[in-house]
C-alpha atoms as a PDB file:
ATOM      1  CA  UNK A   1       1.674 -26.824  22.529  1.00  0.00           C
ATOM      2  CA  UNK A   2      -1.984 -26.956  23.117  1.00  0.00           C
ATOM      3  CA  UNK A   3      -4.378 -27.091  20.213  1.00  0.00           C
ATOM      4  CA  UNK A   4      -5.368 -23.471  20.557  1.00  0.00           C
ATOM      5  CA  UNK A   5      -1.718 -22.584  20.187  1.00  0.00           C
ATOM      6  CA  UNK A   6      -0.801 -24.527  17.349  1.00  0.00           C
ATOM      7  CA  UNK A   7      -4.169 -23.324  15.628  1.00  0.00           C
ATOM      8  CA  UNK A   8      -2.853 -19.978  16.056  1.00  0.00           C
ATOM      9  CA  UNK A   9       0.687 -20.626  14.855  1.00  0.00           C
ATOM     10  CA  UNK A  10      -0.824 -22.137  11.721  1.00  0.00           C
ATOM     11  CA  UNK A  11      -3.057 -19.107  11.252  1.00  0.00           C
ATOM     12  CA  UNK A  12      -0.242 -16.632  11.732  1.00  0.00           C
ATOM     13  CA  UNK A  13       1.921 -18.609   9.355  1.00  0.00           C
ATOM     14  CA  UNK A  14      -0.797 -18.634   6.599  1.00  0.00           C
ATOM     15  CA  UNK A  15      -1.386 -14.880   6.859  1.00  0.00           C
ATOM     16  CA  UNK A  16       2.563 -14.378   6.698  1.00  0.00           C
ATOM     17  CA  UNK A  17       2.685 -16.406   3.322  1.00  0.00           C
ATOM     18  CA  UNK A  18      -0.108 -14.359   1.906  1.00  0.00           C
ATOM     19  CA  UNK A  19       1.400 -11.108   3.341  1.00  0.00           C
ATOM     20  CA  UNK A  20       4.734 -12.285   1.401  1.00  0.00           C
ATOM     21  CA  UNK A  21       2.867 -13.252  -1.604  1.00  0.00           C
ATOM     22  CA  UNK A  22       0.717  -9.733  -1.760  1.00  0.00           C
ATOM     23  CA  UNK A  23       3.709  -7.322  -1.020  1.00  0.00           C
ATOM     24  CA  UNK A  24       5.734  -9.046  -3.815  1.00  0.00           C
ATOM     25  CA  UNK A  25       2.790  -8.645  -6.226  1.00  0.00           C
ATOM     26  CA  UNK A  26       2.610  -4.943  -5.070  1.00  0.00           C
ATOM     27  CA  UNK A  27       6.186  -4.688  -5.792  1.00  0.00           C
ATOM     28  CA  UNK A  28       5.890  -6.075  -9.163  1.00  0.00           C
ATOM     29  CA  UNK A  29       3.071  -3.701  -9.902  1.00  0.00           C
ATOM     30  CA  UNK A  30       4.943  -0.664  -8.895  1.00  0.00           C
ATOM     31  CA  UNK A  31       6.912  -1.156 -12.042  1.00  0.00           C
ATOM     32  CA  UNK A  32       4.195  -0.273 -14.389  1.00  0.00           C
ATOM     33  CA  UNK A  33       4.530   3.415 -12.899  1.00  0.00           C
ATOM     34  CA  UNK A  34       6.034   5.755 -15.540  1.00  0.00           C
ATOM     35  CA  UNK A  35       7.505   7.912 -12.831  1.00  0.00           C
ATOM     36  CA  UNK A  36      11.316   8.074 -12.934  1.00  0.00           C
ATOM     37  CA  UNK A  37      11.826   8.820  -9.148  1.00  0.00           C
ATOM     38  CA  UNK A  38       8.864   6.954  -7.649  1.00  0.00           C
ATOM     39  CA  UNK A  39       7.413   3.456  -8.419  1.00  0.00           C
ATOM     40  CA  UNK A  40       4.469   2.725  -6.067  1.00  0.00           C
ATOM     41  CA  UNK A  41       2.291  -0.285  -6.405  1.00  0.00           C
ATOM     42  CA  UNK A  42      -0.908  -1.113  -4.121  1.00  0.00           C
ATOM     43  CA  UNK A  43      -2.780  -4.724  -3.856  1.00  0.00           C
ATOM     44  CA  UNK A  44      -6.044  -4.858  -2.223  1.00  0.00           C
ATOM     45  CA  UNK A  45      -7.050  -8.354  -0.956  1.00  0.00           C
ATOM     46  CA  UNK A  46     -10.051  -9.906   0.863  1.00  0.00           C
ATOM     47  CA  UNK A  47      -8.164 -11.526   3.532  1.00  0.00           C
ATOM     48  CA  UNK A  48     -10.781 -14.271   4.316  1.00  0.00           C
ATOM     49  CA  UNK A  49     -11.105 -15.485   0.587  1.00  0.00           C
ATOM     50  CA  UNK A  50      -7.589 -14.861  -0.218  1.00  0.00           C
ATOM     51  CA  UNK A  51      -8.188 -13.101  -3.531  1.00  0.00           C
ATOM     52  CA  UNK A  52      -7.138  -9.950  -5.149  1.00  0.00           C
ATOM     53  CA  UNK A  53      -9.851  -7.592  -5.291  1.00  0.00           C
ATOM     54  CA  UNK A  54      -7.703  -4.764  -6.922  1.00  0.00           C
ATOM     55  CA  UNK A  55      -4.174  -3.375  -7.962  1.00  0.00           C
ATOM     56  CA  UNK A  56      -3.118   0.026  -8.769  1.00  0.00           C
ATOM     57  CA  UNK A  57       0.294   2.114  -9.398  1.00  0.00           C
ATOM     58  CA  UNK A  58       1.031   5.698  -8.887  1.00  0.00           C
ATOM     59  CA  UNK A  59       0.493   7.865 -12.284  1.00  0.00           C
ATOM     60  CA  UNK A  60      -1.236  10.553 -13.708  1.00  0.00           C
ATOM     61  CA  UNK A  61      -4.918  10.353 -14.175  1.00  0.00           C
ATOM     62  CA  UNK A  62      -6.626   8.688 -17.304  1.00  0.00           C
ATOM     63  CA  UNK A  63      -6.352  10.502 -20.651  1.00  0.00           C
ATOM     64  CA  UNK A  64      -3.514  13.175 -19.008  1.00  0.00           C
ATOM     65  CA  UNK A  65      -0.435  12.431 -20.982  1.00  0.00           C
ATOM     66  CA  UNK A  66       2.475  11.377 -19.036  1.00  0.00           C
ATOM     67  CA  UNK A  67       5.072  13.204 -20.589  1.00  0.00           C
ATOM     68  CA  UNK A  68       8.726  13.153 -19.333  1.00  0.00           C
ATOM     69  CA  UNK A  69       8.546  16.933 -18.910  1.00  0.00           C
ATOM     70  CA  UNK A  70       5.813  16.622 -16.617  1.00  0.00           C
ATOM     71  CA  UNK A  71       7.037  13.353 -14.672  1.00  0.00           C
ATOM     72  CA  UNK A  72      10.485  15.083 -14.310  1.00  0.00           C
ATOM     73  CA  UNK A  73       8.906  18.480 -12.959  1.00  0.00           C
ATOM     74  CA  UNK A  74       8.406  17.508  -9.184  1.00  0.00           C
ATOM     75  CA  UNK A  75       5.853  20.259  -8.231  1.00  0.00           C
ATOM     76  CA  UNK A  76       3.784  19.550 -11.515  1.00  0.00           C
ATOM     77  CA  UNK A  77       3.984  15.898 -10.989  1.00  0.00           C
ATOM     78  CA  UNK A  78       3.033  15.981  -7.305  1.00  0.00           C
ATOM     79  CA  UNK A  79       0.062  18.101  -8.356  1.00  0.00           C
ATOM     80  CA  UNK A  80      -1.334  15.944 -10.952  1.00  0.00           C
ATOM     81  CA  UNK A  81      -0.279  12.533  -9.823  1.00  0.00           C
ATOM     82  CA  UNK A  82      -2.775   9.658  -8.283  1.00  0.00           C
ATOM     83  CA  UNK A  83      -1.580   7.558  -5.937  1.00  0.00           C
ATOM     84  CA  UNK A  84      -1.253   3.771  -6.243  1.00  0.00           C
ATOM     85  CA  UNK A  85      -3.397   3.457  -3.010  1.00  0.00           C
ATOM     86  CA  UNK A  86      -5.967   5.818  -4.750  1.00  0.00           C
ATOM     87  CA  UNK A  87      -6.057   3.920  -8.270  1.00  0.00           C
ATOM     88  CA  UNK A  88      -6.498   0.770  -6.154  1.00  0.00           C
ATOM     89  CA  UNK A  89      -9.382   2.049  -4.212  1.00  0.00           C
ATOM     90  CA  UNK A  90     -11.117   3.361  -7.195  1.00  0.00           C
ATOM     91  CA  UNK A  91     -10.969  -0.031  -8.873  1.00  0.00           C
ATOM     92  CA  UNK A  92     -12.095  -1.864  -5.722  1.00  0.00           C
ATOM     93  CA  UNK A  93     -15.030   0.438  -4.734  1.00  0.00           C
ATOM     94  CA  UNK A  94     -17.156  -1.005  -1.775  1.00  0.00           C
ATOM     95  CA  UNK A  95     -15.250  -4.594  -2.150  1.00  0.00           C
ATOM     96  CA  UNK A  96     -12.216  -2.625  -0.481  1.00  0.00           C
ATOM     97  CA  UNK A  97     -14.190  -2.958   3.117  1.00  0.00           C
ATOM     98  CA  UNK A  98     -12.676  -5.190   5.542  1.00  0.00           C
ATOM     99  CA  UNK A  99      -9.658  -5.999   3.080  1.00  0.00           C
ATOM    100  CA  UNK A 100      -5.735  -5.607   3.335  1.00  0.00           C
ATOM    101  CA  UNK A 101      -3.847  -3.292   1.419  1.00  0.00           C
ATOM    102  CA  UNK A 102      -0.489  -3.910   0.551  1.00  0.00           C
ATOM    103  CA  UNK A 103       1.770  -0.839  -0.636  1.00  0.00           C
ATOM    104  CA  UNK A 104       5.300  -1.223  -2.063  1.00  0.00           C
ATOM    105  CA  UNK A 105       7.622   1.591  -2.844  1.00  0.00           C
ATOM    106  CA  UNK A 106       6.821   4.446  -0.161  1.00  0.00           C
ATOM    107  CA  UNK A 107       5.016   4.765   3.087  1.00  0.00           C
ATOM    108  CA  UNK A 108       1.162   5.483   2.967  1.00  0.00           C
ATOM    109  CA  UNK A 109       0.481   9.234   3.143  1.00  0.00           C
ATOM    110  CA  UNK A 110      -1.990  11.065   5.092  1.00  0.00           C
ATOM    111  CA  UNK A 111      -4.517  11.511   2.114  1.00  0.00           C
ATOM    112  CA  UNK A 112      -4.030   7.918   1.311  1.00  0.00           C
ATOM    113  CA  UNK A 113      -4.681   6.843   5.038  1.00  0.00           C
ATOM    114  CA  UNK A 114      -7.729   9.085   4.992  1.00  0.00           C
ATOM    115  CA  UNK A 115      -9.319   7.385   2.084  1.00  0.00           C
ATOM    116  CA  UNK A 116      -8.145   4.063   3.382  1.00  0.00           C
ATOM    117  CA  UNK A 117      -9.986   4.359   6.612  1.00  0.00           C
ATOM    118  CA  UNK A 118     -12.879   5.847   4.807  1.00  0.00           C
ATOM    119  CA  UNK A 119     -12.946   2.845   2.548  1.00  0.00           C
ATOM    120  CA  UNK A 120     -13.237   0.784   5.773  1.00  0.00           C
ATOM    121  CA  UNK A 121     -10.159  -1.166   5.337  1.00  0.00           C
ATOM    122  CA  UNK A 122      -9.031  -3.605   8.098  1.00  0.00           C
ATOM    123  CA  UNK A 123      -5.449  -3.567   7.570  1.00  0.00           C
ATOM    124  CA  UNK A 124      -2.622  -1.806   5.962  1.00  0.00           C
ATOM    125  CA  UNK A 125       0.791  -3.524   5.287  1.00  0.00           C
ATOM    126  CA  UNK A 126       3.420  -0.938   3.846  1.00  0.00           C
ATOM    127  CA  UNK A 127       6.771   0.426   4.416  1.00  0.00           C
ATOM    128  CA  UNK A 128       7.071   2.299   8.060  1.00  0.00           C
ATOM    129  CA  UNK A 129       7.925   5.852   8.012  1.00  0.00           C
ATOM    130  CA  UNK A 130      10.940   6.737   9.575  1.00  0.00           C
ATOM    131  CA  UNK A 131      10.836   9.425  12.623  1.00  0.00           C
ATOM    132  CA  UNK A 132      12.989  12.328  12.707  1.00  0.00           C
ATOM    133  CA  UNK A 133      13.871  12.176   9.228  1.00  0.00           C
ATOM    134  CA  UNK A 134      13.786  15.160   6.753  1.00  0.00           C
ATOM    135  CA  UNK A 135      11.687  13.335   4.185  1.00  0.00           C
ATOM    136  CA  UNK A 136       8.156  14.380   3.225  1.00  0.00           C
ATOM    137  CA  UNK A 137       6.789  10.872   2.809  1.00  0.00           C
ATOM    138  CA  UNK A 138       8.142   9.978   6.349  1.00  0.00           C
ATOM    139  CA  UNK A 139       6.648  13.145   7.738  1.00  0.00           C
ATOM    140  CA  UNK A 140       3.223  12.286   6.454  1.00  0.00           C
ATOM    141  CA  UNK A 141       3.791   8.656   7.021  1.00  0.00           C
ATOM    142  CA  UNK A 142       3.867   9.570  10.512  1.00  0.00           C
ATOM    143  CA  UNK A 143       0.525  11.124  10.355  1.00  0.00           C
ATOM    144  CA  UNK A 144      -0.984   8.437   8.688  1.00  0.00           C
ATOM    145  CA  UNK A 145       0.214   5.880  11.271  1.00  0.00           C
ATOM    146  CA  UNK A 146      -1.673   8.040  13.931  1.00  0.00           C
ATOM    147  CA  UNK A 147      -4.692   8.308  11.745  1.00  0.00           C
ATOM    148  CA  UNK A 148      -4.657   4.423  11.665  1.00  0.00           C
ATOM    149  CA  UNK A 149      -4.098   3.838  14.826  1.00  0.00           C
ATOM    150  CA  UNK A 150      -6.989   6.341  16.115  1.00  0.00           C
ATOM    151  CA  UNK A 151      -9.475   4.831  13.423  1.00  0.00           C
ATOM    152  CA  UNK A 152      -8.647   0.939  14.589  1.00  0.00           C
ATOM    153  CA  UNK A 153      -6.739   0.228  11.289  1.00  0.00           C
ATOM    154  CA  UNK A 154      -4.298  -2.213  11.962  1.00  0.00           C
ATOM    155  CA  UNK A 155      -0.740  -1.616  10.468  1.00  0.00           C
ATOM    156  CA  UNK A 156       1.950  -3.975   9.760  1.00  0.00           C
ATOM    157  CA  UNK A 157       5.436  -2.843   8.625  1.00  0.00           C
ATOM    158  CA  UNK A 158       6.900  -4.806   5.559  1.00  0.00           C
ATOM    159  CA  UNK A 159      10.046  -6.809   6.834  1.00  0.00           C
ATOM    160  CA  UNK A 160      13.036  -7.002   4.080  1.00  0.00           C
ATOM    161  CA  UNK A 161      12.971 -10.544   4.117  1.00  0.00           C
ATOM    162  CA  UNK A 162       9.737 -10.665   2.760  1.00  0.00           C
ATOM    163  CA  UNK A 163      10.807  -9.443  -0.682  1.00  0.00           C
ATOM    164  CA  UNK A 164      11.717 -12.119  -2.910  1.00  0.00           C
ATOM    165  CA  UNK A 165      11.163 -10.815  -6.240  1.00  0.00           C
ATOM    166  CA  UNK A 166      14.155  -8.922  -8.182  1.00  0.00           C
ATOM    167  CA  UNK A 167      13.008  -6.444 -10.543  1.00  0.00           C
END
């Protein structure tokens, strides 16, 4: 193996090590959500410095009561909820630029994809939406993938073997 090939392999191994760490952290952060049906966590990292910039989970806005009645009413909940990616971006501000975003729990939707693109993130690591399914998350996730591709945001699909923590 040439020096270039071994350097490339070492770099890829280092990236994978951090991808696994951060996606497991996003899984842990997802447990902070009070939503009984959808627990989503997001972590934004600075890839070059391997440090966490911000984290977020899905939930109702600050000072809006997350009552069981609201969380059980799907239509009302969906109209009020702030997605994990959105919460992480709000906390990160301009520091999200050039970062990696790790999302656990659902595929990234089209609205969050637009916000991630606008924030100039470099890479998104999340569940890959399924083609041809009946799920709204998969349908919106496929739109998000199209947007990422067109905008030059790299997408990496989570692999089951990466998930090490049990919750």
